[in-house]
Amino acid sequence: MEVPAAGRIALVASFACAARRYWLGVFPSVSRERRRRRARALEIPDPLLRRTALDAQRKWGNVEGATAFAAFVPHRHRATAARAMMCYQAAYNYLDMLGEQPSADPVANGKRLHSALLVALDPDAVHLDYYEHHLQREDGGYLGETVDACRTALATLPSYAAVAPAARRAAERIVAFQSCNTGERQGDLAALERWAREATPPGSDLYWWETAAAGGSSLCVYALIALAAEPNLDRLARGTAVRDAAADGGGAPLAEAIEDAYFPWIGALHSLLDNLVDAAEDHATGQHSLVGCYASPEDAAARMGWLAERALRAAAALPDSRGHTLVLAAMASFYLSTPEASAPGAPPVARAVLKALDGPASLAMFVFRARLRARALLPARALLPGPLAGHPRGAELVVPASPAQPTSGGSRQEAGGEHCMK
């Protein structure tokens, strides 16, 4: 999608402003929350759950990525929105790892565990027995406290009531995805396919695994939390196609517009790119293949290039389109700047997606590649324990996450394996 010169200049300016807001107004609170989460995890009585919580915190890069959306909300509510985003993604990381552990009923276990993500979005909901089907359960209140921290923050955001229904629908899709996608040995790919076919928007021409990928992405939740921080949603609708509806709808049409952009378009691209770069590790850990459902790397490239075009078009049509466009471009650029994006089968996809996102992605690719080169020049003693920002497995964190890095959202699947039919 060609971006005029004036548009490129505007995007550069928006990128610089977002980076300043993130590093000065968001990242300090993210760092404090990370220390609190680790201290609390160390208090978990059950040794396996304690280890799981600590391992999940090594995915902190995608927690930082979730808070990228907070850089685009009013200053007064920025810290609160960031806390809600942090706690939600921290819970998702933990639940994702729990769902991959052995269980007598993996589907029921995954569904009940991830129901915590629904409770986290409902300030009035009652806690469930999240560990009902899990072998271990003594977490000392760790999961419940994380969920409560999220919904306490949400309850203070000025427009959360207007976006809550759309946020809960996004969480329901995550629960459906995660309850089936728990690994080759204990997941239910047939059930995932049935759910995805039913959830595919009519006329979208999506393959079922593209819809499934969109369902596992948490980006929609964070975009909606950012919207909830806006005290006057009608103002955001001025000059957009949802203006008239929003005037009398209390902001709900704006939330639905964001939901329609992130599910399926932006969310599908997000999860499939995550899948693409984690192919080798996912193969080793026995995760289902979604990118592997494509008939060939060339087929994957054509489809994911098309998804990128649709995602960019959807972002451009939203209120505050520059913010959504920047997050989309940075998300894609993060994945495609990694060494894994050069693995066999991945380069055709990378070229197709970057071509589709040419204008918005060019600056983000420059930034991420510069960060990778900077890492390579740092001495070993400068490395800090932890994952490469936004990439929870492997690599080490040497600098804080980009203000627009992506979130992980969902189990990762290997690229390769049996082909699937539309």
Protein backbone atom coordinates (compact mmCIF):
# COMPACT_ATOMS: atom_id res chain seq x y z
CA MET A 1 0.00 0.00 0.00
CA GLU A 2 1.68 3.17 -1.22
CA VAL A 3 1.85 6.00 1.33
CA PRO A 4 2.27 9.59 0.03
CA ALA A 5 5.34 11.56 1.11
CA ALA A 6 3.26 13.76 3.40
CA GLY A 7 1.82 10.64 5.02
CA ARG A 8 5.29 9.23 5.62
CA ILE A 9 6.38 12.45 7.32
CA ALA A 10 3.29 12.37 9.52
CA LEU A 11 4.00 8.74 10.47
CA VAL A 12 7.60 9.57 11.40
CA ALA A 13 6.38 12.38 13.62
CA SER A 14 3.76 10.14 15.22
CA PHE A 15 6.37 7.42 15.78
CA ALA A 16 8.68 9.87 17.56
CA CYS A 17 5.89 11.20 19.77
CA ALA A 18 4.69 7.71 20.66
CA ALA A 19 8.23 6.65 21.56
CA ARG A 20 8.65 9.63 23.87
CA ARG A 21 5.33 8.97 25.61
CA TYR A 22 6.15 5.29 26.01
CA TRP A 23 9.64 5.65 27.45
CA LEU A 24 8.78 8.54 29.76
CA GLY A 25 5.21 7.74 30.71
CA VAL A 26 4.71 3.98 30.37
CA PHE A 27 7.95 2.02 30.62
CA PRO A 28 8.83 3.07 34.22
CA SER A 29 5.55 1.63 35.51
CA VAL A 30 6.07 -1.52 33.43
CA SER A 31 9.45 -2.03 35.09
CA ARG A 32 7.97 -1.59 38.56
CA GLU A 33 5.19 -4.06 37.81
CA ARG A 34 7.71 -6.61 36.61
CA ARG A 35 9.49 -6.49 39.96
CA ARG A 36 6.19 -6.84 41.82
CA ARG A 37 5.11 -9.80 39.70
CA ARG A 38 8.38 -11.63 40.26
CA ALA A 39 8.30 -11.08 44.01
CA ARG A 40 4.75 -12.37 44.14
CA ALA A 41 5.56 -15.42 41.99
CA LEU A 42 8.34 -16.40 44.38
CA GLU A 43 5.70 -16.74 47.11
CA ILE A 44 3.65 -19.40 45.26
CA PRO A 45 3.58 -22.53 47.48
CA ASP A 46 3.42 -25.22 44.78
CA PRO A 47 6.90 -25.62 43.23
CA LEU A 48 5.63 -26.43 39.72
CA LEU A 49 3.22 -23.51 39.66
CA ARG A 50 5.95 -21.26 41.04
CA ARG A 51 8.32 -22.38 38.29
CA THR A 52 5.60 -21.90 35.68
CA ALA A 53 4.87 -18.36 36.88
CA LEU A 54 8.55 -17.45 36.80
CA ASP A 55 8.99 -18.98 33.35
CA ALA A 56 5.94 -17.08 32.12
CA GLN A 57 7.53 -13.87 33.32
CA ARG A 58 10.41 -14.50 30.96
CA LYS A 59 7.84 -13.56 28.31
CA TRP A 60 7.80 -10.06 29.76
CA GLY A 61 8.71 -8.63 26.38
CA ASN A 62 5.16 -9.20 25.17
CA VAL A 63 3.83 -7.60 28.36
CA GLU A 64 5.83 -4.52 27.42
CA GLY A 65 4.42 -4.84 23.92
CA ALA A 66 0.86 -4.91 25.23
CA THR A 67 1.44 -1.55 26.90
CA ALA A 68 2.45 0.02 23.57
CA PHE A 69 -1.22 0.92 23.21
CA ALA A 70 -1.01 3.01 26.39
CA ALA A 71 1.26 5.47 24.58
CA PHE A 72 -1.78 6.62 22.60
CA VAL A 73 -4.17 7.35 25.49
CA PRO A 74 -4.63 10.59 27.46
CA HIS A 75 -1.91 11.22 30.02
CA ARG A 76 -4.34 11.29 32.93
CA HIS A 77 -5.32 7.64 32.39
CA ARG A 78 -2.11 6.32 30.84
CA ALA A 79 -0.70 4.59 33.93
CA THR A 80 -4.03 2.94 34.74
CA ALA A 81 -4.54 1.68 31.20
CA ALA A 82 -0.97 0.36 31.13
CA ARG A 83 -1.52 -1.51 34.41
CA ALA A 84 -4.64 -3.19 33.04
CA MET A 85 -2.77 -4.20 29.88
CA MET A 86 0.24 -5.46 31.84
CA CYS A 87 -1.78 -7.60 34.22
CA TYR A 88 -3.94 -9.03 31.45
CA GLN A 89 -0.96 -10.13 29.35
CA ALA A 90 0.87 -11.42 32.43
CA ALA A 91 -2.15 -13.60 33.22
CA TYR A 92 -2.35 -14.74 29.57
CA ASN A 93 1.32 -15.76 29.55
CA TYR A 94 0.89 -17.77 32.76
CA LEU A 95 -2.33 -19.45 31.58
CA ASP A 96 -0.81 -20.27 28.20
CA MET A 97 1.97 -22.23 29.89
CA LEU A 98 -0.41 -23.93 32.33
CA GLY A 99 -2.62 -25.05 29.45
CA GLU A 100 0.31 -26.86 27.82
CA GLN A 101 0.90 -29.00 30.92
CA PRO A 102 -0.56 -32.56 31.13
CA SER A 103 -4.18 -32.92 32.17
CA ALA A 104 -6.76 -35.70 32.18
CA ASP A 105 -9.08 -33.43 30.19
CA PRO A 106 -6.92 -30.91 28.29
CA VAL A 107 -9.83 -29.14 26.57
CA ALA A 108 -11.80 -28.65 29.81
CA ASN A 109 -8.61 -27.65 31.59
CA GLY A 110 -7.71 -25.08 28.95
CA LYS A 111 -11.21 -23.64 28.95
CA ARG A 112 -11.45 -23.34 32.73
CA LEU A 113 -7.94 -21.91 33.12
CA HIS A 114 -8.47 -19.28 30.44
CA SER A 115 -11.85 -18.31 31.86
CA ALA A 116 -9.71 -16.12 34.12
CA LEU A 117 -9.25 -13.87 31.07
CA LEU A 118 -13.00 -13.33 30.95
CA VAL A 119 -13.20 -12.57 34.67
CA ALA A 120 -10.32 -10.10 34.28
CA LEU A 121 -12.52 -8.01 31.98
CA ASP A 122 -15.57 -8.00 34.26
CA PRO A 123 -15.20 -5.95 37.47
CA ASP A 124 -18.33 -7.57 38.93
CA ALA A 125 -17.62 -11.21 38.09
CA VAL A 126 -17.10 -13.90 40.73
CA HIS A 127 -13.86 -15.87 40.68
CA LEU A 128 -14.09 -19.46 39.47
CA ASP A 129 -12.04 -22.50 40.43
CA TYR A 130 -9.53 -21.94 37.63
CA TYR A 131 -7.51 -25.03 38.58
CA GLU A 132 -10.52 -27.38 38.61
CA HIS A 133 -9.05 -29.69 35.95
CA HIS A 134 -5.38 -29.01 36.68
CA LEU A 135 -3.06 -31.32 38.59
CA GLN A 136 -1.64 -28.48 40.69
CA ARG A 137 -3.72 -25.76 42.32
CA GLU A 138 -1.90 -24.19 45.29
CA ASP A 139 -0.80 -20.87 43.81
CA GLY A 140 -1.28 -18.81 46.98
CA GLY A 141 -3.78 -16.55 45.25
CA TYR A 142 -1.33 -15.53 42.52
CA LEU A 143 -3.69 -15.86 39.54
CA GLY A 144 -6.64 -14.32 41.35
CA GLU A 145 -4.56 -11.31 42.41
CA THR A 146 -3.33 -10.77 38.85
CA VAL A 147 -6.91 -10.89 37.55
CA ASP A 148 -8.11 -8.53 40.28
CA ALA A 149 -5.35 -6.02 39.53
CA CYS A 150 -6.49 -5.91 35.90
CA ARG A 151 -10.17 -5.41 36.59
CA THR A 152 -9.58 -2.90 39.37
CA ALA A 153 -7.70 -0.77 36.85
CA LEU A 154 -10.39 -1.22 34.21
CA ALA A 155 -13.12 -0.13 36.61
CA THR A 156 -11.52 3.33 36.91
CA LEU A 157 -11.22 3.99 33.17
CA PRO A 158 -13.84 6.53 32.08
CA SER A 159 -15.31 4.66 29.11
CA TYR A 160 -14.78 1.00 30.01
CA ALA A 161 -18.52 0.27 30.21
CA ALA A 162 -18.86 1.20 26.53
CA VAL A 163 -16.06 -1.11 25.35
CA ALA A 164 -16.59 -3.99 27.81
CA PRO A 165 -18.92 -6.08 25.60
CA ALA A 166 -16.46 -6.01 22.69
CA ALA A 167 -13.54 -6.77 25.02
CA ARG A 168 -15.35 -9.77 26.47
CA ARG A 169 -16.11 -11.07 22.98
CA ALA A 170 -12.38 -10.87 22.19
CA ALA A 171 -11.62 -12.79 25.39
CA GLU A 172 -14.22 -15.43 24.53
CA ARG A 173 -12.40 -16.02 21.25
CA ILE A 174 -9.11 -16.40 23.10
CA VAL A 175 -10.68 -18.97 25.44
CA ALA A 176 -12.12 -20.92 22.50
CA PHE A 177 -8.75 -20.90 20.73
CA GLN A 178 -6.73 -21.88 23.79
CA SER A 179 -9.08 -24.64 24.94
CA CYS A 180 -8.46 -26.52 21.68
CA ASN A 181 -4.93 -25.49 20.79
CA THR A 182 -2.96 -27.11 23.60
CA GLY A 183 -0.46 -29.09 21.53
CA GLU A 184 -0.33 -32.02 19.12
CA ARG A 185 -0.46 -34.64 21.87
CA GLN A 186 -3.46 -33.31 23.80
CA GLY A 187 -5.14 -30.59 21.72
CA ASP A 188 -8.26 -30.90 19.59
CA LEU A 189 -7.51 -29.47 16.15
CA ALA A 190 -10.82 -30.74 14.76
CA ALA A 191 -12.71 -28.77 17.41
CA LEU A 192 -10.59 -25.71 16.68
CA GLU A 193 -11.45 -26.02 12.98
CA ARG A 194 -15.18 -26.34 13.74
CA TRP A 195 -15.11 -23.28 15.97
CA ALA A 196 -13.08 -21.24 13.47
CA ARG A 197 -15.37 -22.06 10.55
CA GLU A 198 -18.37 -20.89 12.55
CA ALA A 199 -16.53 -17.73 13.68
CA THR A 200 -15.30 -16.74 10.21
CA PRO A 201 -17.02 -13.47 9.17
CA PRO A 202 -19.28 -14.03 6.13
CA GLY A 203 -17.75 -12.82 2.89
CA SER A 204 -14.24 -12.48 4.38
CA ASP A 205 -12.75 -15.31 2.24
CA LEU A 206 -10.60 -16.38 5.17
CA TYR A 207 -9.29 -19.90 5.61
CA TRP A 208 -10.36 -21.42 8.91
CA TRP A 209 -6.85 -21.40 10.36
CA GLU A 210 -6.55 -17.68 9.63
CA THR A 211 -9.70 -17.08 11.67
CA ALA A 212 -8.35 -19.34 14.41
CA ALA A 213 -5.12 -17.34 14.48
CA ALA A 214 -7.09 -14.12 14.82
CA GLY A 215 -9.03 -15.59 17.73
CA GLY A 216 -5.84 -16.29 19.68
CA SER A 217 -4.48 -12.75 19.39
CA SER A 218 -4.79 -10.45 22.42
CA LEU A 219 -4.19 -7.23 20.45
CA CYS A 220 -7.89 -6.45 20.20
CA VAL A 221 -8.21 -6.41 24.00
CA TYR A 222 -5.43 -3.83 24.35
CA ALA A 223 -6.79 -1.63 21.59
CA LEU A 224 -10.14 -1.63 23.41
CA ILE A 225 -8.54 -0.86 26.79
CA ALA A 226 -6.84 2.11 25.16
CA LEU A 227 -10.22 3.25 23.86
CA ALA A 228 -11.69 2.86 27.35
CA ALA A 229 -9.23 5.49 28.60
CA GLU A 230 -10.82 8.13 26.38
CA PRO A 231 -13.29 10.28 28.37
CA ASN A 232 -15.13 11.42 25.23
CA LEU A 233 -15.48 8.69 22.64
CA ASP A 234 -17.70 10.81 20.41
CA ARG A 235 -14.77 13.14 19.77
CA LEU A 236 -12.77 10.26 18.31
CA ALA A 237 -15.54 9.50 15.84
CA ARG A 238 -15.50 12.91 14.15
CA GLY A 239 -14.70 12.57 10.49
CA THR A 240 -15.14 8.78 10.49
CA ALA A 241 -17.80 6.44 9.18
CA VAL A 242 -18.98 5.69 12.74
CA ARG A 243 -19.59 9.34 13.64
CA ASP A 244 -23.38 9.36 13.45
CA ALA A 245 -23.85 6.09 15.29
CA ALA A 246 -21.41 7.10 18.01
CA ALA A 247 -23.28 10.32 18.69
CA ASP A 248 -26.09 8.35 20.30
CA GLY A 249 -24.36 5.06 21.07
CA GLY A 250 -22.15 5.98 24.01
CA GLY A 251 -19.02 4.85 22.19
CA ALA A 252 -20.10 1.26 21.55
CA PRO A 253 -19.95 1.64 17.72
CA LEU A 254 -16.34 2.80 18.05
CA ALA A 255 -15.52 -0.30 20.07
CA GLU A 256 -17.20 -2.47 17.45
CA ALA A 257 -15.20 -0.76 14.69
CA ILE A 258 -11.96 -1.59 16.51
CA GLU A 259 -13.15 -5.15 17.11
CA ASP A 260 -13.89 -5.59 13.39
CA ALA A 261 -10.41 -4.33 12.47
CA TYR A 262 -8.52 -6.53 14.92
CA PHE A 263 -10.72 -9.56 14.46
CA PRO A 264 -9.95 -10.92 12.02
CA TRP A 265 -7.46 -8.83 10.06
CA ILE A 266 -4.83 -7.42 12.41
CA GLY A 267 -5.12 -10.32 14.86
CA ALA A 268 -4.70 -12.96 12.15
CA LEU A 269 -1.54 -11.35 10.81
CA HIS A 270 -0.18 -10.97 14.34
CA SER A 271 -0.61 -14.62 15.35
CA LEU A 272 0.54 -16.03 12.02
CA LEU A 273 3.75 -13.97 12.07
CA ASP A 274 4.38 -15.12 15.62
CA ASN A 275 3.82 -18.65 14.36
CA LEU A 276 6.18 -18.11 11.43
CA VAL A 277 9.21 -17.07 13.46
CA ASP A 278 8.68 -19.69 16.19
CA ALA A 279 8.52 -22.58 13.72
CA ALA A 280 11.62 -24.48 14.88
CA GLU A 281 10.88 -24.24 18.58
CA ASP A 282 7.22 -25.07 18.13
CA HIS A 283 8.16 -28.21 16.23
CA ALA A 284 10.33 -29.25 19.16
CA THR A 285 7.56 -28.62 21.72
CA GLY A 286 4.78 -30.28 19.73
CA GLN A 287 2.55 -27.29 19.03
CA HIS A 288 -0.10 -27.38 16.32
CA SER A 289 0.70 -25.93 12.91
CA LEU A 290 -1.38 -23.07 11.54
CA VAL A 291 1.15 -21.53 9.14
CA GLY A 292 1.86 -25.14 8.16
CA CYS A 293 -1.72 -25.42 6.94
CA TYR A 294 -0.77 -23.43 3.84
CA ALA A 295 0.05 -25.55 0.82
CA SER A 296 3.53 -24.02 0.36
CA PRO A 297 5.69 -21.06 1.41
CA GLU A 298 4.52 -19.30 -1.74
CA ASP A 299 0.88 -19.87 -0.78
CA ALA A 300 1.60 -18.60 2.73
CA ALA A 301 3.30 -15.51 1.27
CA ALA A 302 0.36 -14.71 -1.01
CA ARG A 303 -2.20 -15.14 1.74
CA MET A 304 -0.28 -13.30 4.44
CA GLY A 305 0.55 -10.47 2.07
CA TRP A 306 -3.19 -10.20 1.43
CA LEU A 307 -3.86 -10.27 5.18
CA ALA A 308 -1.34 -7.46 5.65
CA GLU A 309 -3.11 -5.36 3.01
CA ARG A 310 -6.47 -5.92 4.68
CA ALA A 311 -5.01 -5.22 8.13
CA LEU A 312 -3.49 -1.93 6.98
CA ARG A 313 -6.72 -0.91 5.31
CA ALA A 314 -8.66 -1.73 8.49
CA ALA A 315 -6.24 0.24 10.69
CA ALA A 316 -6.38 3.24 8.35
CA ALA A 317 -10.17 3.35 8.59
CA LEU A 318 -10.22 3.62 12.41
CA PRO A 319 -10.37 6.76 14.53
CA ASP A 320 -6.78 7.58 15.60
CA SER A 321 -5.69 5.65 12.54
CA ARG A 322 -2.03 6.65 12.91
CA GLY A 323 -1.78 4.98 16.29
CA HIS A 324 -3.28 1.71 15.04
CA THR A 325 -1.16 1.85 11.89
CA LEU A 326 2.02 2.35 13.90
CA VAL A 327 1.24 -0.57 16.19
CA LEU A 328 0.48 -2.79 13.18
CA ALA A 329 3.67 -1.80 11.35
CA ALA A 330 5.85 -2.20 14.43
CA MET A 331 4.30 -5.57 15.23
CA ALA A 332 5.03 -6.93 11.77
CA SER A 333 8.46 -5.33 11.63
CA PHE A 334 9.48 -6.80 14.95
CA TYR A 335 8.82 -10.33 13.78
CA LEU A 336 10.30 -9.83 10.32
CA SER A 337 13.49 -8.23 11.61
CA THR A 338 14.41 -11.31 13.67
CA PRO A 339 16.91 -13.92 12.44
CA GLU A 340 14.09 -16.48 12.40
CA ALA A 341 12.45 -14.56 9.57
CA SER A 342 15.33 -15.73 7.37
CA ALA A 343 14.74 -19.44 8.10
CA PRO A 344 13.74 -21.72 5.19
CA GLY A 345 10.23 -20.93 4.00
CA ALA A 346 9.97 -17.61 5.82
CA PRO A 347 11.58 -15.07 3.39
CA PRO A 348 8.73 -15.18 0.81
CA VAL A 349 6.28 -14.34 3.59
CA ALA A 350 8.51 -11.56 4.92
CA ARG A 351 8.81 -9.97 1.47
CA ALA A 352 5.07 -10.14 0.83
CA VAL A 353 4.09 -8.65 4.19
CA LEU A 354 6.67 -5.87 4.03
CA LYS A 355 5.59 -4.99 0.52
CA ALA A 356 2.00 -4.68 1.69
CA LEU A 357 3.03 -2.52 4.66
CA ASP A 358 5.74 -0.67 2.73
CA GLY A 359 5.23 2.88 3.95
CA PRO A 360 4.37 2.36 7.62
CA ALA A 361 6.77 -0.55 8.09
CA SER A 362 9.92 1.01 6.63
CA LEU A 363 10.71 3.15 9.68
CA ALA A 364 9.88 0.38 12.15
CA MET A 365 12.10 -2.10 10.27
CA PHE A 366 14.97 0.39 10.42
CA VAL A 367 14.54 0.76 14.20
CA PHE A 368 14.32 -2.96 14.94
CA ARG A 369 17.26 -3.84 12.72
CA ALA A 370 19.31 -1.11 14.38
CA ARG A 371 18.46 -2.57 17.79
CA LEU A 372 19.56 -6.04 16.67
CA ARG A 373 22.86 -4.63 15.40
CA ALA A 374 23.33 -2.78 18.70
CA ARG A 375 22.80 -6.00 20.62
CA ALA A 376 25.45 -7.74 18.57
CA LEU A 377 27.97 -5.05 19.52
CA LEU A 378 27.31 -5.14 23.26
CA PRO A 379 29.70 -7.15 25.45
CA ALA A 380 28.32 -10.31 27.01
CA ARG A 381 28.29 -8.74 30.48
CA ALA A 382 25.80 -6.13 29.26
CA LEU A 383 23.15 -8.78 28.64
CA LEU A 384 20.32 -9.03 31.13
CA PRO A 385 18.45 -12.30 31.75
CA GLY A 386 15.16 -12.50 29.94
CA PRO A 387 13.73 -12.92 26.44
CA LEU A 388 14.23 -10.78 23.41
CA ALA A 389 11.51 -8.16 23.61
CA GLY A 390 8.28 -9.54 22.27
CA HIS A 391 9.84 -12.95 21.60
CA PRO A 392 9.37 -15.09 24.71
CA ARG A 393 11.61 -17.98 23.84
CA GLY A 394 15.33 -17.82 23.27
CA ALA A 395 17.53 -14.71 22.96
CA GLU A 396 18.25 -12.29 25.76
CA LEU A 397 16.96 -8.86 26.56
CA VAL A 398 19.64 -6.20 26.32
CA VAL A 399 17.52 -3.10 25.88
CA PRO A 400 13.90 -2.40 26.84
CA ALA A 401 11.11 -3.23 24.44
CA SER A 402 10.08 -0.94 21.63
CA PRO A 403 7.04 1.18 22.37
CA ALA A 404 5.19 -0.49 19.56
CA GLN A 405 6.30 -4.10 19.79
CA PRO A 406 3.63 -6.79 19.46
CA THR A 407 2.08 -8.97 22.04
CA SER A 408 2.29 -12.69 21.83
CA GLY A 409 -1.28 -13.81 22.36
CA GLY A 410 -1.78 -17.55 22.28
CA SER A 411 0.11 -20.75 21.80
CA ARG A 412 2.64 -20.89 19.02
CA GLN A 413 2.36 -23.36 16.21
CA GLU A 414 5.02 -24.94 14.05
CA ALA A 415 5.40 -23.90 10.44
CA GLY A 416 5.27 -27.17 8.64
CA GLY A 417 3.19 -30.30 8.89
CA GLU A 418 -0.03 -31.43 7.31
CA HIS A 419 -1.77 -29.07 4.92
CA CYS A 420 -5.31 -28.02 5.77
CA MET A 421 -8.22 -27.30 3.49
CA LYS A 422 -10.24 -24.10 3.37
